[in-house]
């Protein structure tokens, strides 16, 4: 356990927290760098949590562990990342991402089974949220599937114009957009899966 490893975990957490919670900071644009200092880290009362996390994970894995928790709104206080709930979030995230093709196919089949026309998944009716968004919020469809679908179909601009909500939707959209560059998948392959599933319906 070294000061450097604890500080590296703190710097990573700070950069990811800024990325997922602010419009202005982009983890990729700034290469994960922020203006934190070792002195500010050493003055923190929770610094030993960062030491524990740095002992448990290599930095690259710790990044995804933290991402999995920020996606669950669990991690604005680092102490939340040290408990069993945080580990459970990470395990579920790993399971989804290690079988992303399977997850996506199942989600698409579920969605198509719920509508007469695929466009119904994205339509905004009577000031309510689109079905796709509601299914993600209730946990029936993964956030990853929505992020991939938006990356392929680019429906957020349409939602921006038709969803009249300034509380839930902006935060939901921000989370999706901030997650997108971290999600690794073969876009052309998933686009073909989507086309095939729609044709098979």
Foldseek 3Di string as FASTA:
>chain_A
DDLVLLVLLVLQLVLVVCLLPDPPRACVVVVSGDPDDSVVLVPDPCSVLSVVLSVVDPSVLSNLLSLLQVLVVQPPPVVSCNDPVSVVSSVVVCVCQVPVVVLLLVQLLVQCVVDPANCQQCDDPPLDHGVVVVCCVVPVHPLVNVLLCCVQPVCVVVCVVRRPDDPPVVSSVSNSVSCNVVRDDDNVVSVVSNVVSNVVD
